Structure formats: C-alpha cells, structure tokens
Amino acid sequence: MSDPSNFKDEEIEQLRRQTTSRRVNVDYEQQQRARDLLLAARTDTPEEFQTRMTNRGVDLNSDQGRKVMEAYWAIRRAQQR
C-alpha cells in the first residue's frame, strides 16, 4: 500500500511546472518572497509589516530595511490611487 501524499495537488503542479520550465536561472524562491512582500504590503498595517520583516530577519535600521519600508510605502500609495 502507498502512503497518502503530504503535498497538495497545487504544490505538486507548481513544482512540476518549475522543473519542466524552459526558463533558465529563475529564482522561484525570490519570486515567492516578492509575492509575499507585495501581499503583506497591501494588507498589513505599518506596525504589522515591520513586525513581519523583523521576524524574517530584516534589520529595519539597515539599508535593506529602509529599502523594504520605502517599497511598503510606495505600494500603499499606489494602492490608494
């Protein structure tokens, strides 16, 4: 007998597309992080977003942290239009 899979059908399909894709040098993890950042910026309050970034290891007082917060505010401004 076979054990049931721990993966959802969508996850399996996504992995299949990634492995059979003809695109070379695509960083799927980076794409996922960018999608997560965009979703968080659209839905989180500034405090929630800062907490989320801190939990991911982003130092908000560093150059990277300032760029992340600038991106957050740019996304929020674009969303209000």
PDB file of N, CA and C in Angstrom:
ATOM      1  N   MET A   1       0.832  -1.183   0.000  1.00  0.00           N
ATOM      2  CA  MET A   1       0.000   0.000   0.000  1.00  0.00           C
ATOM      3  C   MET A   1       0.873   1.241   0.000  1.00  0.00           C
ATOM      4  N   SER A   2       0.357   2.261  -0.570  1.00  0.00           N
ATOM      5  CA  SER A   2       1.122   3.502  -0.613  1.00  0.00           C
ATOM      6  C   SER A   2       0.567   4.480   0.406  1.00  0.00           C
ATOM      7  N   ASP A   3       1.465   5.289   0.927  1.00  0.00           N
ATOM      8  CA  ASP A   3       1.065   6.304   1.891  1.00  0.00           C
ATOM      9  C   ASP A   3       0.489   7.494   1.149  1.00  0.00           C
ATOM     10  N   PRO A   4      -0.490   8.171   1.727  1.00  0.00           N
ATOM     11  CA  PRO A   4      -1.020   9.371   1.063  1.00  0.00           C
ATOM     12  C   PRO A   4       0.040  10.471   1.065  1.00  0.00           C
ATOM     13  N   SER A   5       0.014  11.261   0.040  1.00  0.00           N
ATOM     14  CA  SER A   5       0.990  12.337  -0.110  1.00  0.00           C
ATOM     15  C   SER A   5       0.717  13.455   0.885  1.00  0.00           C
ATOM     16  N   ASN A   6       1.770  14.070   1.360  1.00  0.00           N
ATOM     17  CA  ASN A   6       1.643  15.220   2.253  1.00  0.00           C
ATOM     18  C   ASN A   6       1.544  16.522   1.462  1.00  0.00           C
ATOM     19  N   PHE A   7       1.658  16.450   0.145  1.00  0.00           N
ATOM     20  CA  PHE A   7       1.625  17.633  -0.699  1.00  0.00           C
ATOM     21  C   PHE A   7       0.241  17.823  -1.288  1.00  0.00           C
ATOM     22  N   LYS A   8      -0.144  19.069  -1.452  1.00  0.00           N
ATOM     23  CA  LYS A   8      -1.410  19.387  -2.099  1.00  0.00           C
ATOM     24  C   LYS A   8      -1.216  19.298  -3.606  1.00  0.00           C
ATOM     25  N   ASP A   9      -2.301  19.077  -4.320  1.00  0.00           N
ATOM     26  CA  ASP A   9      -2.227  18.974  -5.775  1.00  0.00           C
ATOM     27  C   ASP A   9      -1.642  20.237  -6.394  1.00  0.00           C
ATOM     28  N   GLU A  10      -1.985  21.404  -5.827  1.00  0.00           N
ATOM     29  CA  GLU A  10      -1.460  22.666  -6.384  1.00  0.00           C
ATOM     30  C   GLU A  10       0.060  22.740  -6.225  1.00  0.00           C
ATOM     31  N   GLU A  11       0.568  22.280  -5.072  1.00  0.00           N
ATOM     32  CA  GLU A  11       2.015  22.304  -4.838  1.00  0.00           C
ATOM     33  C   GLU A  11       2.732  21.380  -5.815  1.00  0.00           C
ATOM     34  N   ILE A  12       2.160  20.220  -6.035  1.00  0.00           N
ATOM     35  CA  ILE A  12       2.771  19.263  -6.959  1.00  0.00           C
ATOM     36  C   ILE A  12       2.791  19.844  -8.361  1.00  0.00           C
ATOM     37  N   GLU A  13       1.690  20.452  -8.769  1.00  0.00           N
ATOM     38  CA  GLU A  13       1.617  21.045 -10.111  1.00  0.00           C
ATOM     39  C   GLU A  13       2.611  22.192 -10.255  1.00  0.00           C
ATOM     40  N   GLN A  14       2.740  23.014  -9.218  1.00  0.00           N
ATOM     41  CA  GLN A  14       3.688  24.127  -9.266  1.00  0.00           C
ATOM     42  C   GLN A  14       5.126  23.611  -9.394  1.00  0.00           C
ATOM     43  N   LEU A  15       5.482  22.612  -8.618  1.00  0.00           N
ATOM     44  CA  LEU A  15       6.830  22.046  -8.709  1.00  0.00           C
ATOM     45  C   LEU A  15       7.070  21.412 -10.079  1.00  0.00           C
ATOM     46  N   ARG A  16       6.056  20.766 -10.624  1.00  0.00           N
ATOM     47  CA  ARG A  16       6.194  20.161 -11.954  1.00  0.00           C
ATOM     48  C   ARG A  16       6.445  21.233 -13.004  1.00  0.00           C
ATOM     49  N   ARG A  17       5.698  22.332 -12.932  1.00  0.00           N
ATOM     50  CA  ARG A  17       5.895  23.424 -13.900  1.00  0.00           C
ATOM     51  C   ARG A  17       7.292  24.022 -13.762  1.00  0.00           C
ATOM     52  N   GLN A  18       7.760  24.165 -12.523  1.00  0.00           N
ATOM     53  CA  GLN A  18       9.082  24.751 -12.309  1.00  0.00           C
ATOM     54  C   GLN A  18      10.182  23.856 -12.860  1.00  0.00           C
ATOM     55  N   THR A  19      10.050  22.563 -12.702  1.00  0.00           N
ATOM     56  CA  THR A  19      11.106  21.670 -13.149  1.00  0.00           C
ATOM     57  C   THR A  19      11.071  21.434 -14.651  1.00  0.00           C
ATOM     58  N   THR A  20       9.921  21.608 -15.273  1.00  0.00           N
ATOM     59  CA  THR A  20       9.829  21.385 -16.720  1.00  0.00           C
ATOM     60  C   THR A  20       9.880  22.684 -17.502  1.00  0.00           C
ATOM     61  N   SER A  21       9.994  23.784 -16.804  1.00  0.00           N
ATOM     62  CA  SER A  21      10.031  25.083 -17.463  1.00  0.00           C
ATOM     63  C   SER A  21      11.301  25.235 -18.287  1.00  0.00           C
ATOM     64  N   ARG A  22      11.194  25.956 -19.370  1.00  0.00           N
ATOM     65  CA  ARG A  22      12.363  26.192 -20.231  1.00  0.00           C
ATOM     66  C   ARG A  22      13.171  27.406 -19.787  1.00  0.00           C
ATOM     67  N   ARG A  23      12.634  28.169 -18.864  1.00  0.00           N
ATOM     68  CA  ARG A  23      13.360  29.347 -18.407  1.00  0.00           C
ATOM     69  C   ARG A  23      14.552  28.913 -17.564  1.00  0.00           C
ATOM     70  N   VAL A  24      15.667  29.550 -17.811  1.00  0.00           N
ATOM     71  CA  VAL A  24      16.898  29.212 -17.110  1.00  0.00           C
ATOM     72  C   VAL A  24      17.196  30.322 -16.104  1.00  0.00           C
ATOM     73  N   ASN A  25      17.809  29.951 -15.003  1.00  0.00           N
ATOM     74  CA  ASN A  25      18.254  30.896 -13.983  1.00  0.00           C
ATOM     75  C   ASN A  25      17.097  31.686 -13.365  1.00  0.00           C
ATOM     76  N   VAL A  26      15.978  31.051 -13.147  1.00  0.00           N
ATOM     77  CA  VAL A  26      14.852  31.685 -12.490  1.00  0.00           C
ATOM     78  C   VAL A  26      14.884  31.283 -11.026  1.00  0.00           C
ATOM     79  N   ASP A  27      14.897  32.266 -10.161  1.00  0.00           N
ATOM     80  CA  ASP A  27      14.920  32.015  -8.728  1.00  0.00           C
ATOM     81  C   ASP A  27      13.481  32.040  -8.221  1.00  0.00           C
ATOM     82  N   TYR A  28      12.871  30.864  -8.119  1.00  0.00           N
ATOM     83  CA  TYR A  28      11.479  30.775  -7.718  1.00  0.00           C
ATOM     84  C   TYR A  28      11.276  31.182  -6.266  1.00  0.00           C
ATOM     85  N   GLU A  29      12.269  30.957  -5.427  1.00  0.00           N
ATOM     86  CA  GLU A  29      12.159  31.372  -4.032  1.00  0.00           C
ATOM     87  C   GLU A  29      12.125  32.894  -3.934  1.00  0.00           C
ATOM     88  N   GLN A  30      12.937  33.572  -4.742  1.00  0.00           N
ATOM     89  CA  GLN A  30      12.934  35.029  -4.742  1.00  0.00           C
ATOM     90  C   GLN A  30      11.599  35.559  -5.250  1.00  0.00           C
ATOM     91  N   GLN A  31      11.045  34.914  -6.269  1.00  0.00           N
ATOM     92  CA  GLN A  31       9.738  35.324  -6.771  1.00  0.00           C
ATOM     93  C   GLN A  31       8.670  35.163  -5.695  1.00  0.00           C
ATOM     94  N   GLN A  32       8.737  34.076  -4.944  1.00  0.00           N
ATOM     95  CA  GLN A  32       7.761  33.845  -3.874  1.00  0.00           C
ATOM     96  C   GLN A  32       7.913  34.882  -2.771  1.00  0.00           C
ATOM     97  N   ARG A  33       9.144  35.220  -2.422  1.00  0.00           N
ATOM     98  CA  ARG A  33       9.366  36.254  -1.398  1.00  0.00           C
ATOM     99  C   ARG A  33       8.802  37.589  -1.860  1.00  0.00           C
ATOM    100  N   ALA A  34       8.989  37.913  -3.139  1.00  0.00           N
ATOM    101  CA  ALA A  34       8.457  39.169  -3.674  1.00  0.00           C
ATOM    102  C   ALA A  34       6.929  39.174  -3.637  1.00  0.00           C
ATOM    103  N   ARG A  35       6.297  38.056  -3.970  1.00  0.00           N
ATOM    104  CA  ARG A  35       4.836  37.967  -3.895  1.00  0.00           C
ATOM    105  C   ARG A  35       4.362  38.113  -2.456  1.00  0.00           C
ATOM    106  N   ASP A  36       5.073  37.477  -1.519  1.00  0.00           N
ATOM    107  CA  ASP A  36       4.716  37.582  -0.104  1.00  0.00           C
ATOM    108  C   ASP A  36       4.858  39.021   0.393  1.00  0.00           C
ATOM    109  N   LEU A  37       5.916  39.695  -0.023  1.00  0.00           N
ATOM    110  CA  LEU A  37       6.144  41.085   0.357  1.00  0.00           C
ATOM    111  C   LEU A  37       5.025  41.974  -0.176  1.00  0.00           C
ATOM    112  N   LEU A  38       4.650  41.770  -1.422  1.00  0.00           N
ATOM    113  CA  LEU A  38       3.590  42.563  -2.031  1.00  0.00           C
ATOM    114  C   LEU A  38       2.264  42.343  -1.309  1.00  0.00           C
ATOM    115  N   LEU A  39       1.935  41.105  -1.023  1.00  0.00           N
ATOM    116  CA  LEU A  39       0.697  40.807  -0.314  1.00  0.00           C
ATOM    117  C   LEU A  39       0.703  41.420   1.075  1.00  0.00           C
ATOM    118  N   ALA A  40       1.810  41.300   1.781  1.00  0.00           N
ATOM    119  CA  ALA A  40       1.905  41.877   3.125  1.00  0.00           C
ATOM    120  C   ALA A  40       1.788  43.396   3.076  1.00  0.00           C
ATOM    121  N   ALA A  41       2.410  44.020   2.103  1.00  0.00           N
ATOM    122  CA  ALA A  41       2.363  45.475   1.993  1.00  0.00           C
ATOM    123  C   ALA A  41       0.941  45.952   1.698  1.00  0.00           C
ATOM    124  N   ARG A  42       0.192  45.152   0.957  1.00  0.00           N
ATOM    125  CA  ARG A  42      -1.182  45.542   0.630  1.00  0.00           C
ATOM    126  C   ARG A  42      -2.141  45.345   1.798  1.00  0.00           C
ATOM    127  N   THR A  43      -1.857  44.401   2.693  1.00  0.00           N
ATOM    128  CA  THR A  43      -2.831  44.045   3.717  1.00  0.00           C
ATOM    129  C   THR A  43      -2.428  44.432   5.134  1.00  0.00           C
ATOM    130  N   ASP A  44      -1.165  44.551   5.433  1.00  0.00           N
ATOM    131  CA  ASP A  44      -0.706  44.808   6.804  1.00  0.00           C
ATOM    132  C   ASP A  44      -0.695  46.298   7.125  1.00  0.00           C
ATOM    133  N   THR A  45      -0.880  46.600   8.419  1.00  0.00           N
ATOM    134  CA  THR A  45      -0.633  47.963   8.894  1.00  0.00           C
ATOM    135  C   THR A  45       0.882  48.144   8.948  1.00  0.00           C
ATOM    136  N   PRO A  46       1.361  49.379   9.063  1.00  0.00           N
ATOM    137  CA  PRO A  46       2.816  49.575   9.142  1.00  0.00           C
ATOM    138  C   PRO A  46       3.462  48.801  10.290  1.00  0.00           C
ATOM    139  N   GLU A  47       2.792  48.738  11.429  1.00  0.00           N
ATOM    140  CA  GLU A  47       3.349  48.025  12.576  1.00  0.00           C
ATOM    141  C   GLU A  47       3.415  46.518  12.309  1.00  0.00           C
ATOM    142  N   GLU A  48       2.347  45.970  11.726  1.00  0.00           N
ATOM    143  CA  GLU A  48       2.334  44.539  11.400  1.00  0.00           C
ATOM    144  C   GLU A  48       3.426  44.216  10.378  1.00  0.00           C
ATOM    145  N   PHE A  49       3.579  45.101   9.393  1.00  0.00           N
ATOM    146  CA  PHE A  49       4.588  44.878   8.352  1.00  0.00           C
ATOM    147  C   PHE A  49       5.989  44.913   8.945  1.00  0.00           C
ATOM    148  N   GLN A  50       6.248  45.881   9.821  1.00  0.00           N
ATOM    149  CA  GLN A  50       7.560  45.970  10.455  1.00  0.00           C
ATOM    150  C   GLN A  50       7.837  44.729  11.304  1.00  0.00           C
ATOM    151  N   THR A  51       6.835  44.256  12.021  1.00  0.00           N
ATOM    152  CA  THR A  51       6.988  43.048  12.828  1.00  0.00           C
ATOM    153  C   THR A  51       7.277  41.846  11.940  1.00  0.00           C
ATOM    154  N   ARG A  52       6.552  41.738  10.831  1.00  0.00           N
ATOM    155  CA  ARG A  52       6.761  40.625   9.892  1.00  0.00           C
ATOM    156  C   ARG A  52       8.180  40.646   9.329  1.00  0.00           C
ATOM    157  N   MET A  53       8.667  41.822   8.949  1.00  0.00           N
ATOM    158  CA  MET A  53      10.014  41.921   8.392  1.00  0.00           C
ATOM    159  C   MET A  53      11.073  41.627   9.456  1.00  0.00           C
ATOM    160  N   THR A  54      10.840  42.084  10.685  1.00  0.00           N
ATOM    161  CA  THR A  54      11.781  41.798  11.772  1.00  0.00           C
ATOM    162  C   THR A  54      11.839  40.295  12.030  1.00  0.00           C
ATOM    163  N   ASN A  55      10.688  39.635  12.000  1.00  0.00           N
ATOM    164  CA  ASN A  55      10.650  38.181  12.202  1.00  0.00           C
ATOM    165  C   ASN A  55      11.363  37.430  11.080  1.00  0.00           C
ATOM    166  N   ARG A  56      11.426  38.024   9.903  1.00  0.00           N
ATOM    167  CA  ARG A  56      12.146  37.408   8.783  1.00  0.00           C
ATOM    168  C   ARG A  56      13.628  37.737   8.790  1.00  0.00           C
ATOM    169  N   GLY A  57      14.061  38.508   9.768  1.00  0.00           N
ATOM    170  CA  GLY A  57      15.483  38.789   9.906  1.00  0.00           C
ATOM    171  C   GLY A  57      15.946  40.057   9.226  1.00  0.00           C
ATOM    172  N   VAL A  58      15.015  40.926   8.863  1.00  0.00           N
ATOM    173  CA  VAL A  58      15.379  42.185   8.216  1.00  0.00           C
ATOM    174  C   VAL A  58      15.578  43.238   9.295  1.00  0.00           C
ATOM    175  N   ASP A  59      16.772  43.798   9.358  1.00  0.00           N
ATOM    176  CA  ASP A  59      17.060  44.878  10.302  1.00  0.00           C
ATOM    177  C   ASP A  59      16.522  46.171   9.703  1.00  0.00           C
ATOM    178  N   LEU A  60      15.508  46.741  10.321  1.00  0.00           N
ATOM    179  CA  LEU A  60      14.854  47.922   9.766  1.00  0.00           C
ATOM    180  C   LEU A  60      15.730  49.169   9.825  1.00  0.00           C
ATOM    181  N   ASN A  61      16.834  49.129  10.561  1.00  0.00           N
ATOM    182  CA  ASN A  61      17.748  50.265  10.623  1.00  0.00           C
ATOM    183  C   ASN A  61      18.877  50.151   9.597  1.00  0.00           C
ATOM    184  N   SER A  62      18.879  49.089   8.828  1.00  0.00           N
ATOM    185  CA  SER A  62      19.913  48.902   7.803  1.00  0.00           C
ATOM    186  C   SER A  62      19.431  49.467   6.470  1.00  0.00           C
ATOM    187  N   ASP A  63      20.319  49.493   5.489  1.00  0.00           N
ATOM    188  CA  ASP A  63      19.940  49.953   4.150  1.00  0.00           C
ATOM    189  C   ASP A  63      18.837  49.076   3.572  1.00  0.00           C
ATOM    190  N   GLN A  64      18.958  47.764   3.762  1.00  0.00           N
ATOM    191  CA  GLN A  64      17.941  46.848   3.263  1.00  0.00           C
ATOM    192  C   GLN A  64      16.591  47.132   3.923  1.00  0.00           C
ATOM    193  N   GLY A  65      16.597  47.363   5.225  1.00  0.00           N
ATOM    194  CA  GLY A  65      15.365  47.655   5.942  1.00  0.00           C
ATOM    195  C   GLY A  65      14.711  48.936   5.479  1.00  0.00           C
ATOM    196  N   ARG A  66      15.528  49.953   5.216  1.00  0.00           N
ATOM    197  CA  ARG A  66      14.984  51.209   4.712  1.00  0.00           C
ATOM    198  C   ARG A  66      14.387  51.027   3.318  1.00  0.00           C
ATOM    199  N   LYS A  67      15.044  50.227   2.487  1.00  0.00           N
ATOM    200  CA  LYS A  67      14.507  49.969   1.151  1.00  0.00           C
ATOM    201  C   LYS A  67      13.192  49.201   1.218  1.00  0.00           C
ATOM    202  N   VAL A  68      13.106  48.255   2.146  1.00  0.00           N
ATOM    203  CA  VAL A  68      11.871  47.490   2.314  1.00  0.00           C
ATOM    204  C   VAL A  68      10.732  48.410   2.745  1.00  0.00           C
ATOM    205  N   MET A  69      11.009  49.307   3.674  1.00  0.00           N
ATOM    206  CA  MET A  69       9.963  50.223   4.127  1.00  0.00           C
ATOM    207  C   MET A  69       9.592  51.231   3.037  1.00  0.00           C
ATOM    208  N   GLU A  70      10.559  51.655   2.243  1.00  0.00           N
ATOM    209  CA  GLU A  70      10.251  52.536   1.113  1.00  0.00           C
ATOM    210  C   GLU A  70       9.341  51.815   0.119  1.00  0.00           C
ATOM    211  N   ALA A  71       9.625  50.550  -0.122  1.00  0.00           N
ATOM    212  CA  ALA A  71       8.782  49.752  -1.014  1.00  0.00           C
ATOM    213  C   ALA A  71       7.384  49.617  -0.429  1.00  0.00           C
ATOM    214  N   TYR A  72       7.299  49.402   0.877  1.00  0.00           N
ATOM    215  CA  TYR A  72       5.998  49.301   1.540  1.00  0.00           C
ATOM    216  C   TYR A  72       5.171  50.559   1.290  1.00  0.00           C
ATOM    217  N   TRP A  73       5.773  51.718   1.542  1.00  0.00           N
ATOM    218  CA  TRP A  73       5.031  52.968   1.384  1.00  0.00           C
ATOM    219  C   TRP A  73       4.694  53.239  -0.078  1.00  0.00           C
ATOM    220  N   ALA A  74       5.563  52.866  -0.991  1.00  0.00           N
ATOM    221  CA  ALA A  74       5.267  53.050  -2.414  1.00  0.00           C
ATOM    222  C   ALA A  74       4.074  52.176  -2.837  1.00  0.00           C
ATOM    223  N   ILE A  75       4.036  50.961  -2.343  1.00  0.00           N
ATOM    224  CA  ILE A  75       2.918  50.063  -2.670  1.00  0.00           C
ATOM    225  C   ILE A  75       1.627  50.595  -2.066  1.00  0.00           C
ATOM    226  N   ARG A  76       1.694  51.107  -0.841  1.00  0.00           N
ATOM    227  CA  ARG A  76       0.496  51.653  -0.203  1.00  0.00           C
ATOM    228  C   ARG A  76      -0.013  52.890  -0.956  1.00  0.00           C
ATOM    229  N   ARG A  77       0.902  53.758  -1.408  1.00  0.00           N
ATOM    230  CA  ARG A  77       0.489  54.937  -2.175  1.00  0.00           C
ATOM    231  C   ARG A  77      -0.154  54.534  -3.493  1.00  0.00           C
ATOM    232  N   ALA A  78       0.424  53.559  -4.163  1.00  0.00           N
ATOM    233  CA  ALA A  78      -0.130  53.099  -5.443  1.00  0.00           C
ATOM    234  C   ALA A  78      -1.488  52.456  -5.245  1.00  0.00           C
ATOM    235  N   GLN A  79      -1.689  51.809  -4.128  1.00  0.00           N
ATOM    236  CA  GLN A  79      -2.952  51.138  -3.850  1.00  0.00           C
ATOM    237  C   GLN A  79      -4.065  52.161  -3.601  1.00  0.00           C
ATOM    238  N   GLN A  80      -3.725  53.310  -3.064  1.00  0.00           N
ATOM    239  CA  GLN A  80      -4.728  54.340  -2.748  1.00  0.00           C
ATOM    240  C   GLN A  80      -5.226  55.078  -3.985  1.00  0.00           C
ATOM    241  N   ARG A  81      -4.516  54.983  -5.070  1.00  0.00           N
ATOM    242  CA  ARG A  81      -4.908  55.702  -6.294  1.00  0.00           C
ATOM    243  C   ARG A  81      -6.053  55.052  -6.976  1.00  0.00           C
TER     244      ARG A  81
END
